[in-house]
């Protein structure tokens, strides 16, 4: 069952809502922002926490790396979860955002 976009229930925390959305399918930070009703800038901090806590709960935090739309370069070794501003190979700013999920 797909999660509806909009405000989360009052009894559900932001991280619980994010965790549920990440279990359903891969999402970008912007998609998660809309799904749980928080500002886009706050999503990265919550994702970092979920990444650390996933291991303790027996889950795997999966990151599909950002990719340059111009040359296809994948940002596999990037430690930060945010979208890169430009490609180091071709200098293009057309970057596909990383996607995150929990398995």
C-alpha atoms as a PDB file:
ATOM      1  CA  UNK A   1       0.000   0.000   0.000  1.00  0.00           C
ATOM      2  CA  UNK A   2       1.504   3.339  -1.029  1.00  0.00           C
ATOM      3  CA  UNK A   3       1.888   6.089   1.505  1.00  0.00           C
ATOM      4  CA  UNK A   4      -0.234   9.161   0.859  1.00  0.00           C
ATOM      5  CA  UNK A   5       1.541  12.460   0.389  1.00  0.00           C
ATOM      6  CA  UNK A   6       0.775  15.011   3.060  1.00  0.00           C
ATOM      7  CA  UNK A   7       1.036  15.575   6.777  1.00  0.00           C
ATOM      8  CA  UNK A   8       1.903  12.588   8.911  1.00  0.00           C
ATOM      9  CA  UNK A   9      -0.389  11.440  11.749  1.00  0.00           C
ATOM     10  CA  UNK A  10       0.077  13.352  15.006  1.00  0.00           C
ATOM     11  CA  UNK A  11       1.236  10.246  16.885  1.00  0.00           C
ATOM     12  CA  UNK A  12       3.969   9.411  14.340  1.00  0.00           C
ATOM     13  CA  UNK A  13       7.450  10.949  14.668  1.00  0.00           C
ATOM     14  CA  UNK A  14       9.310  12.345  11.677  1.00  0.00           C
ATOM     15  CA  UNK A  15      11.836   9.521  11.761  1.00  0.00           C
ATOM     16  CA  UNK A  16       9.135   6.861  12.010  1.00  0.00           C
ATOM     17  CA  UNK A  17       7.432   8.389   8.963  1.00  0.00           C
ATOM     18  CA  UNK A  18      10.744   8.520   7.070  1.00  0.00           C
ATOM     19  CA  UNK A  19      11.581   4.944   8.039  1.00  0.00           C
ATOM     20  CA  UNK A  20       8.176   3.749   6.775  1.00  0.00           C
ATOM     21  CA  UNK A  21       8.542   5.627   3.471  1.00  0.00           C
ATOM     22  CA  UNK A  22      12.075   4.259   2.963  1.00  0.00           C
ATOM     23  CA  UNK A  23      10.850   0.685   3.475  1.00  0.00           C
ATOM     24  CA  UNK A  24       8.235   1.082   0.730  1.00  0.00           C
ATOM     25  CA  UNK A  25      10.533   2.155  -2.144  1.00  0.00           C
ATOM     26  CA  UNK A  26      13.614   4.289  -2.884  1.00  0.00           C
ATOM     27  CA  UNK A  27      13.078   8.054  -2.478  1.00  0.00           C
ATOM     28  CA  UNK A  28      15.084  11.214  -3.086  1.00  0.00           C
ATOM     29  CA  UNK A  29      15.395  13.703  -0.228  1.00  0.00           C
ATOM     30  CA  UNK A  30      12.921  16.003  -1.990  1.00  0.00           C
ATOM     31  CA  UNK A  31      10.366  13.197  -2.316  1.00  0.00           C
ATOM     32  CA  UNK A  32      10.795  12.338   1.367  1.00  0.00           C
ATOM     33  CA  UNK A  33      10.293  15.979   2.298  1.00  0.00           C
ATOM     34  CA  UNK A  34       6.895  15.990   0.604  1.00  0.00           C
ATOM     35  CA  UNK A  35       5.926  12.535   1.863  1.00  0.00           C
ATOM     36  CA  UNK A  36       6.406  13.360   5.544  1.00  0.00           C
ATOM     37  CA  UNK A  37       5.695  17.095   5.462  1.00  0.00           C
ATOM     38  CA  UNK A  38       9.021  18.562   6.593  1.00  0.00           C
ATOM     39  CA  UNK A  39      11.325  21.122   4.940  1.00  0.00           C
ATOM     40  CA  UNK A  40      13.785  19.664   2.421  1.00  0.00           C
ATOM     41  CA  UNK A  41      16.756  21.058   4.378  1.00  0.00           C
ATOM     42  CA  UNK A  42      15.872  18.928   7.426  1.00  0.00           C
ATOM     43  CA  UNK A  43      15.767  15.625   5.563  1.00  0.00           C
ATOM     44  CA  UNK A  44      19.564  15.138   5.346  1.00  0.00           C
ATOM     45  CA  UNK A  45      19.988  15.303   9.137  1.00  0.00           C
ATOM     46  CA  UNK A  46      17.231  12.742   9.660  1.00  0.00           C
ATOM     47  CA  UNK A  47      18.699  10.490   6.957  1.00  0.00           C
ATOM     48  CA  UNK A  48      22.120  10.557   8.634  1.00  0.00           C
ATOM     49  CA  UNK A  49      20.514   9.436  11.886  1.00  0.00           C
ATOM     50  CA  UNK A  50      18.535   6.699  10.133  1.00  0.00           C
ATOM     51  CA  UNK A  51      21.712   5.534   8.410  1.00  0.00           C
ATOM     52  CA  UNK A  52      23.436   5.102  11.792  1.00  0.00           C
ATOM     53  CA  UNK A  53      20.434   3.496  13.495  1.00  0.00           C
ATOM     54  CA  UNK A  54      19.628   1.085  10.638  1.00  0.00           C
ATOM     55  CA  UNK A  55      22.578  -1.130  11.525  1.00  0.00           C
ATOM     56  CA  UNK A  56      21.464  -1.385  15.156  1.00  0.00           C
ATOM     57  CA  UNK A  57      17.948  -2.402  14.094  1.00  0.00           C
ATOM     58  CA  UNK A  58      19.193  -5.063  11.667  1.00  0.00           C
ATOM     59  CA  UNK A  59      18.251  -3.121   8.549  1.00  0.00           C
ATOM     60  CA  UNK A  60      20.411  -1.981   5.646  1.00  0.00           C
ATOM     61  CA  UNK A  61      20.419   1.686   4.606  1.00  0.00           C
ATOM     62  CA  UNK A  62      20.763   1.601   0.811  1.00  0.00           C
ATOM     63  CA  UNK A  63      22.008   4.595  -1.169  1.00  0.00           C
ATOM     64  CA  UNK A  64      21.617   4.705  -4.939  1.00  0.00           C
ATOM     65  CA  UNK A  65      24.351   7.238  -5.742  1.00  0.00           C
ATOM     66  CA  UNK A  66      23.786  10.556  -7.461  1.00  0.00           C
ATOM     67  CA  UNK A  67      24.504  10.513 -11.192  1.00  0.00           C
ATOM     68  CA  UNK A  68      25.466  13.182 -13.725  1.00  0.00           C
ATOM     69  CA  UNK A  69      22.795  13.409 -16.421  1.00  0.00           C
ATOM     70  CA  UNK A  70      25.325  14.755 -18.947  1.00  0.00           C
ATOM     71  CA  UNK A  71      28.176  12.223 -18.779  1.00  0.00           C
ATOM     72  CA  UNK A  72      26.806   9.438 -16.541  1.00  0.00           C
ATOM     73  CA  UNK A  73      29.401   9.814 -13.753  1.00  0.00           C
ATOM     74  CA  UNK A  74      28.224   8.140 -10.525  1.00  0.00           C
ATOM     75  CA  UNK A  75      29.133   9.646  -7.172  1.00  0.00           C
ATOM     76  CA  UNK A  76      29.807   6.261  -5.502  1.00  0.00           C
ATOM     77  CA  UNK A  77      32.475   7.412  -3.037  1.00  0.00           C
ATOM     78  CA  UNK A  78      30.561  10.462  -1.780  1.00  0.00           C
ATOM     79  CA  UNK A  79      30.115  10.445   2.007  1.00  0.00           C
ATOM     80  CA  UNK A  80      27.570  13.276   2.152  1.00  0.00           C
ATOM     81  CA  UNK A  81      23.937  12.370   1.537  1.00  0.00           C
ATOM     82  CA  UNK A  82      22.984  15.638  -0.167  1.00  0.00           C
ATOM     83  CA  UNK A  83      22.905  16.110  -3.949  1.00  0.00           C
ATOM     84  CA  UNK A  84      26.257  17.263  -5.387  1.00  0.00           C
ATOM     85  CA  UNK A  85      26.249  20.690  -7.028  1.00  0.00           C
ATOM     86  CA  UNK A  86      28.222  19.757 -10.142  1.00  0.00           C
ATOM     87  CA  UNK A  87      30.040  16.899 -11.812  1.00  0.00           C
ATOM     88  CA  UNK A  88      33.811  16.725 -11.223  1.00  0.00           C
ATOM     89  CA  UNK A  89      34.375  15.238 -14.697  1.00  0.00           C
ATOM     90  CA  UNK A  90      32.305  17.377 -17.074  1.00  0.00           C
ATOM     91  CA  UNK A  91      31.370  20.278 -14.726  1.00  0.00           C
ATOM     92  CA  UNK A  92      27.663  19.885 -15.580  1.00  0.00           C
ATOM     93  CA  UNK A  93      25.146  20.942 -12.930  1.00  0.00           C
ATOM     94  CA  UNK A  94      22.534  18.503 -14.223  1.00  0.00           C
ATOM     95  CA  UNK A  95      22.810  16.008 -11.384  1.00  0.00           C
ATOM     96  CA  UNK A  96      20.246  13.328 -10.581  1.00  0.00           C
ATOM     97  CA  UNK A  97      19.703  13.228  -6.802  1.00  0.00           C
ATOM     98  CA  UNK A  98      20.641  10.121  -4.811  1.00  0.00           C
ATOM     99  CA  UNK A  99      17.850   7.773  -3.746  1.00  0.00           C
ATOM    100  CA  UNK A 100      17.579   6.141  -0.343  1.00  0.00           C
ATOM    101  CA  UNK A 101      15.798   3.046   0.958  1.00  0.00           C
ATOM    102  CA  UNK A 102      15.764   0.610   3.875  1.00  0.00           C
ATOM    103  CA  UNK A 103      15.913  -3.150   3.433  1.00  0.00           C
END
